[in-house]
């Protein structure tokens, strides 16, 4: 599928989603070791290939819905959907290599996932995302992908030892064109 470029960009991107494999470790390490990428993530940058392989083996592969965001077949990021405690909702999260920021790729990937997940998980009515109040780029991604900003959850999440305010975004199955 084609992704559209970011504002002022006329680039086109061949964005696809696929499951991760252990053979993706070198591509994974590009963003997995990047401090800019890890800033708003729950994990610290990976220090070794072995750490990255363990994460792929023990977290990514067994996860119910975790995909590589690929550009021309090569992983440049990841996107996941985690079922909520209530069957009607799930949480979406993503990470993208910093050299691909601002090009519309993340928004395209989020739209692709919404299109897929609402078809695969027929019981799902709500897809939600929690974005750190200081992560303006991810807030733009959610808005470009059609998510509604619902509000700020004050002191909602502890990230790297600090309590953080989070902006909650949602997309309902009835709002997404099928």
N, C-alpha and C. Protein backbone atom coordinates (compact mmCIF):
# COMPACT_ATOMS: atom_id res chain seq x y z
N UNK A 1 0.84 -1.18 0.00
CA UNK A 1 0.00 0.00 0.00
C UNK A 1 0.88 1.24 0.00
N UNK A 2 0.37 2.28 -0.53
CA UNK A 2 1.13 3.53 -0.56
C UNK A 2 0.77 4.40 0.62
N UNK A 3 1.79 4.99 1.19
CA UNK A 3 1.56 5.98 2.24
C UNK A 3 1.75 7.34 1.61
N UNK A 4 1.19 8.34 2.20
CA UNK A 4 1.38 9.67 1.66
C UNK A 4 2.49 10.37 2.43
N UNK A 5 3.14 11.29 1.80
CA UNK A 5 4.21 12.04 2.45
C UNK A 5 3.63 13.01 3.46
N UNK A 6 4.49 13.59 4.24
CA UNK A 6 4.08 14.56 5.26
C UNK A 6 3.76 15.89 4.63
N UNK A 7 3.46 16.88 5.47
CA UNK A 7 3.13 18.20 4.98
C UNK A 7 4.25 18.74 4.11
N UNK A 8 3.90 19.23 2.94
CA UNK A 8 4.88 19.80 2.04
C UNK A 8 5.73 18.76 1.33
N UNK A 9 5.45 17.49 1.56
CA UNK A 9 6.24 16.43 0.95
C UNK A 9 5.48 15.86 -0.23
N UNK A 10 6.21 15.52 -1.28
CA UNK A 10 5.56 14.85 -2.40
C UNK A 10 6.09 13.43 -2.54
N UNK A 11 6.72 12.92 -1.46
CA UNK A 11 7.23 11.56 -1.47
C UNK A 11 6.07 10.58 -1.30
N UNK A 12 6.21 9.42 -1.93
CA UNK A 12 5.27 8.33 -1.73
C UNK A 12 6.04 7.19 -1.09
N UNK A 13 5.40 6.48 -0.17
CA UNK A 13 6.06 5.41 0.54
C UNK A 13 5.27 4.13 0.39
N UNK A 14 5.98 3.03 0.16
CA UNK A 14 5.37 1.72 0.09
C UNK A 14 5.38 1.12 1.50
N UNK A 15 4.32 1.39 2.27
CA UNK A 15 4.23 0.98 3.66
C UNK A 15 3.40 -0.31 3.75
N UNK A 16 3.97 -1.31 4.42
CA UNK A 16 3.26 -2.55 4.68
C UNK A 16 3.46 -2.93 6.14
N UNK A 17 2.61 -3.83 6.61
CA UNK A 17 2.70 -4.35 7.97
C UNK A 17 2.86 -5.85 7.88
N UNK A 18 3.71 -6.40 8.74
CA UNK A 18 3.88 -7.85 8.78
C UNK A 18 4.40 -8.27 10.15
N UNK A 19 4.23 -9.56 10.49
CA UNK A 19 4.77 -10.04 11.76
C UNK A 19 6.30 -9.93 11.79
N UNK A 20 6.85 -9.76 12.98
CA UNK A 20 8.30 -9.74 13.16
C UNK A 20 8.85 -11.16 13.18
N UNK A 21 10.12 -11.26 12.79
CA UNK A 21 10.87 -12.50 12.94
C UNK A 21 12.22 -12.18 13.55
N UNK A 22 12.92 -13.18 14.01
CA UNK A 22 14.25 -12.97 14.59
C UNK A 22 15.22 -12.38 13.57
N UNK A 23 14.98 -12.65 12.30
CA UNK A 23 15.86 -12.13 11.24
C UNK A 23 15.74 -10.61 11.09
N UNK A 24 14.78 -9.99 11.77
CA UNK A 24 14.60 -8.53 11.72
C UNK A 24 15.47 -7.79 12.73
N UNK A 25 16.33 -8.49 13.45
CA UNK A 25 17.06 -7.89 14.56
C UNK A 25 17.90 -6.69 14.14
N UNK A 26 18.56 -6.73 13.01
CA UNK A 26 19.42 -5.59 12.61
C UNK A 26 18.58 -4.34 12.36
N UNK A 27 17.45 -4.50 11.69
CA UNK A 27 16.57 -3.36 11.45
C UNK A 27 15.96 -2.87 12.77
N UNK A 28 15.57 -3.80 13.64
CA UNK A 28 15.02 -3.46 14.95
C UNK A 28 16.01 -2.63 15.76
N UNK A 29 17.28 -2.99 15.71
CA UNK A 29 18.29 -2.30 16.51
C UNK A 29 18.50 -0.85 16.07
N UNK A 30 18.16 -0.52 14.84
CA UNK A 30 18.32 0.86 14.36
C UNK A 30 17.48 1.81 15.22
N UNK A 31 16.22 1.49 15.43
CA UNK A 31 15.39 2.36 16.28
C UNK A 31 15.45 1.93 17.74
N UNK A 32 15.73 0.67 18.00
CA UNK A 32 15.77 0.17 19.36
C UNK A 32 16.92 0.72 20.19
N UNK A 33 17.93 1.24 19.53
CA UNK A 33 19.08 1.82 20.24
C UNK A 33 19.07 3.35 20.22
N UNK A 34 18.05 3.92 19.60
CA UNK A 34 17.99 5.38 19.40
C UNK A 34 17.32 6.05 20.61
N UNK A 35 18.06 6.90 21.31
CA UNK A 35 17.52 7.59 22.49
C UNK A 35 16.34 8.50 22.14
N UNK A 36 16.35 9.12 20.95
CA UNK A 36 15.22 9.98 20.56
C UNK A 36 13.95 9.15 20.44
N UNK A 37 14.07 7.96 19.91
CA UNK A 37 12.91 7.08 19.74
C UNK A 37 12.40 6.60 21.10
N UNK A 38 13.30 6.23 21.99
CA UNK A 38 12.93 5.66 23.28
C UNK A 38 12.41 6.69 24.27
N UNK A 39 12.54 7.97 23.97
CA UNK A 39 12.19 9.03 24.93
C UNK A 39 10.81 8.85 25.54
N UNK A 40 9.80 8.59 24.73
CA UNK A 40 8.43 8.46 25.22
C UNK A 40 7.97 7.01 25.33
N UNK A 41 8.90 6.09 25.22
CA UNK A 41 8.59 4.66 25.33
C UNK A 41 8.87 4.16 26.74
N UNK A 42 8.29 3.04 27.10
CA UNK A 42 8.50 2.48 28.43
C UNK A 42 9.87 1.85 28.57
N UNK A 43 10.53 1.55 27.46
CA UNK A 43 11.84 0.90 27.49
C UNK A 43 12.97 1.90 27.28
N UNK A 44 14.13 1.52 27.78
CA UNK A 44 15.36 2.28 27.53
C UNK A 44 15.97 1.76 26.24
N UNK A 45 16.81 2.55 25.57
CA UNK A 45 17.46 2.04 24.35
C UNK A 45 18.17 0.71 24.64
N UNK A 46 18.06 -0.22 23.72
CA UNK A 46 18.68 -1.53 23.88
C UNK A 46 20.20 -1.40 23.78
N UNK A 47 20.90 -2.08 24.67
CA UNK A 47 22.36 -1.97 24.73
C UNK A 47 23.05 -3.04 23.91
N UNK A 48 22.34 -4.11 23.56
CA UNK A 48 22.98 -5.19 22.81
C UNK A 48 21.97 -5.89 21.90
N UNK A 49 22.50 -6.58 20.91
CA UNK A 49 21.67 -7.37 20.01
C UNK A 49 20.95 -8.48 20.78
N UNK A 50 21.62 -9.02 21.78
CA UNK A 50 21.03 -10.07 22.59
C UNK A 50 19.77 -9.58 23.31
N UNK A 51 19.82 -8.36 23.87
CA UNK A 51 18.64 -7.76 24.50
C UNK A 51 17.51 -7.62 23.49
N UNK A 52 17.85 -7.13 22.31
CA UNK A 52 16.85 -6.96 21.25
C UNK A 52 16.23 -8.28 20.83
N UNK A 53 17.06 -9.31 20.66
CA UNK A 53 16.55 -10.64 20.29
C UNK A 53 15.63 -11.19 21.38
N UNK A 54 16.01 -11.00 22.64
CA UNK A 54 15.15 -11.47 23.73
C UNK A 54 13.80 -10.77 23.72
N UNK A 55 13.79 -9.46 23.42
CA UNK A 55 12.54 -8.71 23.34
C UNK A 55 11.67 -9.25 22.19
N UNK A 56 12.28 -9.47 21.04
CA UNK A 56 11.53 -10.02 19.90
C UNK A 56 10.97 -11.39 20.26
N UNK A 57 11.79 -12.25 20.84
CA UNK A 57 11.39 -13.62 21.18
C UNK A 57 10.30 -13.69 22.23
N UNK A 58 10.49 -12.92 23.32
CA UNK A 58 9.64 -13.09 24.49
C UNK A 58 8.49 -12.09 24.60
N UNK A 59 8.54 -11.00 23.85
CA UNK A 59 7.47 -9.99 23.93
C UNK A 59 6.75 -9.83 22.59
N UNK A 60 7.50 -9.59 21.53
CA UNK A 60 6.87 -9.31 20.24
C UNK A 60 6.18 -10.53 19.65
N UNK A 61 6.89 -11.63 19.51
CA UNK A 61 6.34 -12.81 18.83
C UNK A 61 5.11 -13.38 19.55
N UNK A 62 5.12 -13.48 20.90
CA UNK A 62 3.92 -14.02 21.56
C UNK A 62 2.74 -13.03 21.68
N UNK A 63 2.97 -11.75 21.40
CA UNK A 63 1.92 -10.73 21.54
C UNK A 63 0.77 -11.04 20.58
N UNK A 64 -0.48 -10.76 20.99
CA UNK A 64 -1.62 -11.07 20.10
C UNK A 64 -1.66 -10.28 18.79
N UNK A 65 -1.10 -9.05 18.76
CA UNK A 65 -1.13 -8.28 17.51
C UNK A 65 0.00 -7.25 17.52
N UNK A 66 1.17 -7.65 17.05
CA UNK A 66 2.37 -6.81 17.04
C UNK A 66 2.98 -6.96 15.65
N UNK A 67 3.11 -5.87 14.91
CA UNK A 67 3.58 -5.93 13.53
C UNK A 67 4.74 -4.97 13.29
N UNK A 68 5.55 -5.33 12.31
CA UNK A 68 6.61 -4.44 11.84
C UNK A 68 5.98 -3.47 10.85
N UNK A 69 6.36 -2.19 10.96
CA UNK A 69 6.01 -1.20 9.95
C UNK A 69 7.16 -1.25 8.95
N UNK A 70 6.85 -1.65 7.73
CA UNK A 70 7.91 -1.85 6.74
C UNK A 70 7.84 -0.82 5.62
N UNK A 71 8.99 -0.37 5.21
CA UNK A 71 9.14 0.49 4.04
C UNK A 71 9.90 -0.34 3.02
N UNK A 72 9.27 -0.58 1.88
CA UNK A 72 9.85 -1.44 0.85
C UNK A 72 10.31 -2.77 1.43
N UNK A 73 9.50 -3.33 2.35
CA UNK A 73 9.75 -4.64 2.91
C UNK A 73 10.66 -4.69 4.12
N UNK A 74 11.31 -3.59 4.48
CA UNK A 74 12.24 -3.57 5.62
C UNK A 74 11.63 -2.87 6.81
N UNK A 75 11.71 -3.47 8.01
CA UNK A 75 11.13 -2.84 9.20
C UNK A 75 11.82 -1.52 9.55
N UNK A 76 10.99 -0.48 9.71
CA UNK A 76 11.49 0.84 10.13
C UNK A 76 10.83 1.26 11.43
N UNK A 77 9.97 0.40 11.95
CA UNK A 77 9.25 0.68 13.19
C UNK A 77 8.35 -0.49 13.53
N UNK A 78 7.51 -0.28 14.53
CA UNK A 78 6.60 -1.33 14.99
C UNK A 78 5.29 -0.70 15.42
N UNK A 79 4.24 -1.52 15.35
CA UNK A 79 2.91 -1.06 15.76
C UNK A 79 2.19 -2.24 16.39
N UNK A 80 1.46 -1.97 17.48
CA UNK A 80 0.79 -3.06 18.17
C UNK A 80 -0.59 -2.63 18.63
N UNK A 81 -1.44 -3.63 18.80
CA UNK A 81 -2.77 -3.44 19.37
C UNK A 81 -2.88 -4.42 20.52
N UNK A 82 -3.16 -3.89 21.71
CA UNK A 82 -3.27 -4.71 22.91
C UNK A 82 -4.73 -4.69 23.37
N UNK A 83 -5.33 -5.89 23.48
CA UNK A 83 -6.72 -5.94 23.95
C UNK A 83 -6.86 -5.33 25.34
N UNK A 84 -7.98 -4.65 25.56
CA UNK A 84 -8.27 -4.06 26.86
C UNK A 84 -8.93 -5.07 27.78
N UNK A 85 -9.17 -4.68 29.02
CA UNK A 85 -9.86 -5.56 29.96
C UNK A 85 -11.29 -5.81 29.51
N UNK A 86 -11.88 -4.82 28.85
CA UNK A 86 -13.21 -4.98 28.27
C UNK A 86 -13.03 -5.37 26.81
N UNK A 87 -13.75 -6.35 26.34
CA UNK A 87 -13.59 -6.83 24.96
C UNK A 87 -13.87 -5.74 23.91
N UNK A 88 -14.60 -4.70 24.30
CA UNK A 88 -15.01 -3.69 23.33
C UNK A 88 -13.89 -2.72 22.97
N UNK A 89 -12.78 -2.73 23.73
CA UNK A 89 -11.74 -1.75 23.44
C UNK A 89 -10.35 -2.36 23.44
N UNK A 90 -9.44 -1.66 22.76
CA UNK A 90 -8.03 -2.07 22.68
C UNK A 90 -7.18 -0.81 22.57
N UNK A 91 -5.90 -0.95 22.90
CA UNK A 91 -4.98 0.18 22.85
C UNK A 91 -3.99 -0.01 21.71
N UNK A 92 -3.75 1.06 20.97
CA UNK A 92 -2.77 1.04 19.89
C UNK A 92 -1.53 1.81 20.33
N UNK A 93 -0.39 1.31 19.93
CA UNK A 93 0.87 1.99 20.19
C UNK A 93 1.80 1.76 19.02
N UNK A 94 2.77 2.63 18.85
CA UNK A 94 3.70 2.45 17.74
C UNK A 94 5.03 3.09 18.08
N UNK A 95 6.03 2.71 17.31
CA UNK A 95 7.36 3.31 17.38
C UNK A 95 7.89 3.36 15.95
N UNK A 96 8.61 4.42 15.64
CA UNK A 96 9.11 4.60 14.28
C UNK A 96 10.52 5.16 14.35
N UNK A 97 11.40 4.64 13.51
CA UNK A 97 12.77 5.15 13.44
C UNK A 97 12.76 6.65 13.22
N UNK A 98 13.63 7.37 13.93
CA UNK A 98 13.59 8.84 13.92
C UNK A 98 13.85 9.44 12.54
N UNK A 99 14.57 8.75 11.68
CA UNK A 99 14.82 9.34 10.36
C UNK A 99 13.57 9.34 9.48
N UNK A 100 12.51 8.66 9.95
CA UNK A 100 11.25 8.60 9.19
C UNK A 100 10.16 9.49 9.78
N UNK A 101 10.49 10.22 10.84
CA UNK A 101 9.50 11.10 11.47
C UNK A 101 9.12 12.24 10.53
N UNK A 102 7.87 12.70 10.64
CA UNK A 102 7.41 13.87 9.90
C UNK A 102 7.13 13.63 8.43
N UNK A 103 7.03 12.38 8.03
CA UNK A 103 6.80 12.05 6.61
C UNK A 103 5.42 11.44 6.35
N UNK A 104 4.59 11.36 7.40
CA UNK A 104 3.25 10.79 7.23
C UNK A 104 3.21 9.27 7.36
N UNK A 105 4.34 8.64 7.61
CA UNK A 105 4.41 7.17 7.66
C UNK A 105 3.64 6.63 8.87
N UNK A 106 3.85 7.21 10.04
CA UNK A 106 3.18 6.71 11.24
C UNK A 106 1.66 6.84 11.12
N UNK A 107 1.18 7.97 10.63
CA UNK A 107 -0.26 8.16 10.46
C UNK A 107 -0.83 7.13 9.48
N UNK A 108 -0.08 6.87 8.42
CA UNK A 108 -0.51 5.87 7.44
C UNK A 108 -0.58 4.48 8.08
N UNK A 109 0.43 4.16 8.90
CA UNK A 109 0.45 2.85 9.56
C UNK A 109 -0.72 2.72 10.54
N UNK A 110 -1.00 3.79 11.30
CA UNK A 110 -2.12 3.76 12.25
C UNK A 110 -3.44 3.56 11.49
N UNK A 111 -3.62 4.23 10.37
CA UNK A 111 -4.84 4.05 9.57
C UNK A 111 -4.95 2.61 9.06
N UNK A 112 -3.82 2.06 8.59
CA UNK A 112 -3.82 0.67 8.11
C UNK A 112 -4.26 -0.28 9.23
N UNK A 113 -3.69 -0.09 10.41
CA UNK A 113 -4.02 -0.96 11.54
C UNK A 113 -5.50 -0.83 11.89
N UNK A 114 -6.02 0.38 11.96
CA UNK A 114 -7.43 0.56 12.28
C UNK A 114 -8.30 -0.18 11.27
N UNK A 115 -7.96 -0.05 10.01
CA UNK A 115 -8.72 -0.73 8.96
C UNK A 115 -8.69 -2.25 9.13
N UNK A 116 -7.53 -2.78 9.48
CA UNK A 116 -7.37 -4.22 9.66
C UNK A 116 -8.04 -4.69 10.95
N UNK A 117 -7.75 -4.03 12.05
CA UNK A 117 -8.16 -4.54 13.36
C UNK A 117 -9.68 -4.50 13.55
N UNK A 118 -10.35 -3.48 13.00
CA UNK A 118 -11.80 -3.44 13.14
C UNK A 118 -12.46 -4.55 12.31
N UNK A 119 -11.78 -5.05 11.29
CA UNK A 119 -12.30 -6.18 10.51
C UNK A 119 -11.96 -7.51 11.17
N UNK A 120 -10.73 -7.64 11.68
CA UNK A 120 -10.29 -8.89 12.30
C UNK A 120 -10.97 -9.13 13.65
N UNK A 121 -11.09 -8.09 14.44
CA UNK A 121 -11.68 -8.21 15.78
C UNK A 121 -13.07 -7.58 15.72
N UNK A 122 -14.03 -8.35 15.29
CA UNK A 122 -15.40 -7.85 15.08
C UNK A 122 -16.03 -7.29 16.37
N UNK A 123 -15.61 -7.79 17.52
CA UNK A 123 -16.15 -7.34 18.81
C UNK A 123 -15.62 -5.96 19.22
N UNK A 124 -14.55 -5.50 18.55
CA UNK A 124 -13.90 -4.25 18.94
C UNK A 124 -14.73 -3.05 18.51
N UNK A 125 -15.01 -2.17 19.47
CA UNK A 125 -15.76 -0.96 19.19
C UNK A 125 -14.92 0.30 19.34
N UNK A 126 -13.83 0.20 20.09
CA UNK A 126 -13.05 1.38 20.41
C UNK A 126 -11.56 1.05 20.38
N UNK A 127 -10.81 1.86 19.66
CA UNK A 127 -9.36 1.79 19.62
C UNK A 127 -8.86 3.07 20.27
N UNK A 128 -8.01 2.93 21.29
CA UNK A 128 -7.56 4.12 22.00
C UNK A 128 -6.04 4.20 22.05
N UNK A 129 -5.55 5.42 22.23
CA UNK A 129 -4.12 5.67 22.33
C UNK A 129 -3.88 6.67 23.46
N UNK A 130 -2.81 6.46 24.18
CA UNK A 130 -2.39 7.36 25.26
C UNK A 130 -1.08 7.99 24.82
N UNK A 131 -1.06 9.33 24.76
CA UNK A 131 0.12 10.05 24.25
C UNK A 131 0.59 11.02 25.32
N UNK A 132 1.88 11.00 25.61
CA UNK A 132 2.47 11.93 26.57
C UNK A 132 2.17 13.36 26.13
N UNK A 133 1.83 14.23 27.09
CA UNK A 133 1.48 15.61 26.75
C UNK A 133 2.62 16.36 26.05
N UNK A 134 3.85 15.91 26.22
CA UNK A 134 4.98 16.57 25.56
C UNK A 134 5.32 15.97 24.20
N UNK A 135 4.58 14.95 23.77
CA UNK A 135 4.87 14.29 22.50
C UNK A 135 3.96 14.84 21.40
N UNK A 136 4.29 16.05 20.94
CA UNK A 136 3.47 16.73 19.93
C UNK A 136 3.40 15.95 18.63
N UNK A 137 4.48 15.29 18.25
CA UNK A 137 4.50 14.52 17.01
C UNK A 137 3.48 13.40 17.02
N UNK A 138 3.40 12.66 18.12
CA UNK A 138 2.42 11.57 18.20
C UNK A 138 0.99 12.08 18.27
N UNK A 139 0.81 13.24 18.88
CA UNK A 139 -0.55 13.81 18.89
C UNK A 139 -0.99 14.14 17.46
N UNK A 140 -0.07 14.68 16.66
CA UNK A 140 -0.39 14.97 15.25
C UNK A 140 -0.71 13.68 14.50
N UNK A 141 0.06 12.62 14.77
CA UNK A 141 -0.19 11.33 14.12
C UNK A 141 -1.61 10.86 14.39
N UNK A 142 -2.01 10.90 15.65
CA UNK A 142 -3.34 10.42 16.02
C UNK A 142 -4.42 11.25 15.33
N UNK A 143 -4.24 12.57 15.31
CA UNK A 143 -5.24 13.44 14.67
C UNK A 143 -5.29 13.17 13.16
N UNK A 144 -4.14 13.02 12.52
CA UNK A 144 -4.10 12.74 11.07
C UNK A 144 -4.73 11.39 10.74
N UNK A 145 -4.66 10.46 11.70
CA UNK A 145 -5.24 9.13 11.49
C UNK A 145 -6.73 9.09 11.79
N UNK A 146 -7.31 10.23 12.20
CA UNK A 146 -8.74 10.30 12.43
C UNK A 146 -9.19 10.06 13.85
N UNK A 147 -8.25 9.96 14.79
CA UNK A 147 -8.60 9.77 16.19
C UNK A 147 -9.08 11.09 16.78
N UNK A 148 -9.99 10.98 17.76
CA UNK A 148 -10.51 12.15 18.47
C UNK A 148 -9.75 12.33 19.77
N UNK A 149 -9.34 13.55 20.04
CA UNK A 149 -8.71 13.86 21.32
C UNK A 149 -9.83 13.98 22.35
N UNK A 150 -9.75 13.20 23.42
CA UNK A 150 -10.82 13.19 24.43
C UNK A 150 -10.48 14.02 25.65
N UNK A 151 -9.21 14.18 25.96
CA UNK A 151 -8.85 14.95 27.13
C UNK A 151 -7.50 14.56 27.68
N UNK A 152 -7.14 15.19 28.78
CA UNK A 152 -5.86 14.93 29.43
C UNK A 152 -6.11 14.15 30.71
N UNK A 153 -5.40 13.06 30.87
CA UNK A 153 -5.44 12.26 32.07
C UNK A 153 -4.26 12.69 32.93
N UNK A 154 -4.55 13.43 33.98
CA UNK A 154 -3.50 14.03 34.80
C UNK A 154 -2.82 12.99 35.68
N UNK A 155 -1.49 13.09 35.74
CA UNK A 155 -0.69 12.18 36.58
C UNK A 155 -1.12 10.73 36.37
N UNK A 156 -1.23 10.33 35.12
CA UNK A 156 -1.83 9.05 34.76
C UNK A 156 -0.85 7.89 34.68
N UNK A 157 0.40 8.19 34.37
CA UNK A 157 1.34 7.14 33.98
C UNK A 157 2.72 7.46 34.51
N UNK A 158 3.41 6.46 35.02
CA UNK A 158 4.80 6.67 35.45
C UNK A 158 5.70 6.20 34.32
N UNK A 159 6.47 7.13 33.80
CA UNK A 159 7.40 6.84 32.71
C UNK A 159 8.80 7.19 33.17
N UNK A 160 9.62 6.17 33.25
CA UNK A 160 11.03 6.34 33.61
C UNK A 160 11.18 7.13 34.91
N UNK A 161 10.35 6.75 35.89
CA UNK A 161 10.46 7.33 37.22
C UNK A 161 9.71 8.63 37.44
N UNK A 162 9.05 9.17 36.40
CA UNK A 162 8.30 10.43 36.54
C UNK A 162 6.84 10.21 36.21
N UNK A 163 5.97 10.79 37.03
CA UNK A 163 4.55 10.72 36.73
C UNK A 163 4.24 11.67 35.58
N UNK A 164 3.50 11.17 34.60
CA UNK A 164 3.25 11.93 33.37
C UNK A 164 1.75 12.13 33.15
N UNK A 165 1.41 13.27 32.55
CA UNK A 165 0.06 13.51 32.06
C UNK A 165 -0.01 12.90 30.66
N UNK A 166 -1.14 12.28 30.38
CA UNK A 166 -1.32 11.64 29.08
C UNK A 166 -2.58 12.19 28.40
N UNK A 167 -2.50 12.36 27.10
CA UNK A 167 -3.66 12.75 26.31
C UNK A 167 -4.26 11.45 25.77
N UNK A 168 -5.57 11.29 25.95
CA UNK A 168 -6.22 10.09 25.45
C UNK A 168 -6.93 10.41 24.14
N UNK A 169 -6.71 9.55 23.16
CA UNK A 169 -7.33 9.64 21.84
C UNK A 169 -8.11 8.37 21.60
N UNK A 170 -9.18 8.46 20.82
CA UNK A 170 -9.94 7.26 20.48
C UNK A 170 -10.47 7.33 19.06
N UNK A 171 -10.71 6.15 18.53
CA UNK A 171 -11.37 5.98 17.24
C UNK A 171 -12.38 4.87 17.44
N UNK A 172 -13.63 5.14 17.10
CA UNK A 172 -14.68 4.14 17.23
C UNK A 172 -14.87 3.42 15.91
N UNK A 173 -15.28 2.16 16.00
CA UNK A 173 -15.50 1.38 14.79
C UNK A 173 -16.55 2.02 13.88
N UNK A 174 -17.50 2.72 14.49
CA UNK A 174 -18.56 3.39 13.71
C UNK A 174 -18.05 4.65 13.02
N UNK A 175 -16.90 5.16 13.43
CA UNK A 175 -16.32 6.36 12.81
C UNK A 175 -15.34 6.04 11.70
N UNK A 176 -14.95 4.78 11.64
CA UNK A 176 -13.93 4.40 10.66
C UNK A 176 -14.58 3.81 9.42
N UNK A 177 -14.25 4.34 8.26
CA UNK A 177 -14.86 3.80 7.03
C UNK A 177 -14.40 2.37 6.80
N UNK A 178 -15.35 1.49 6.54
CA UNK A 178 -14.98 0.08 6.31
C UNK A 178 -14.82 -0.24 4.86
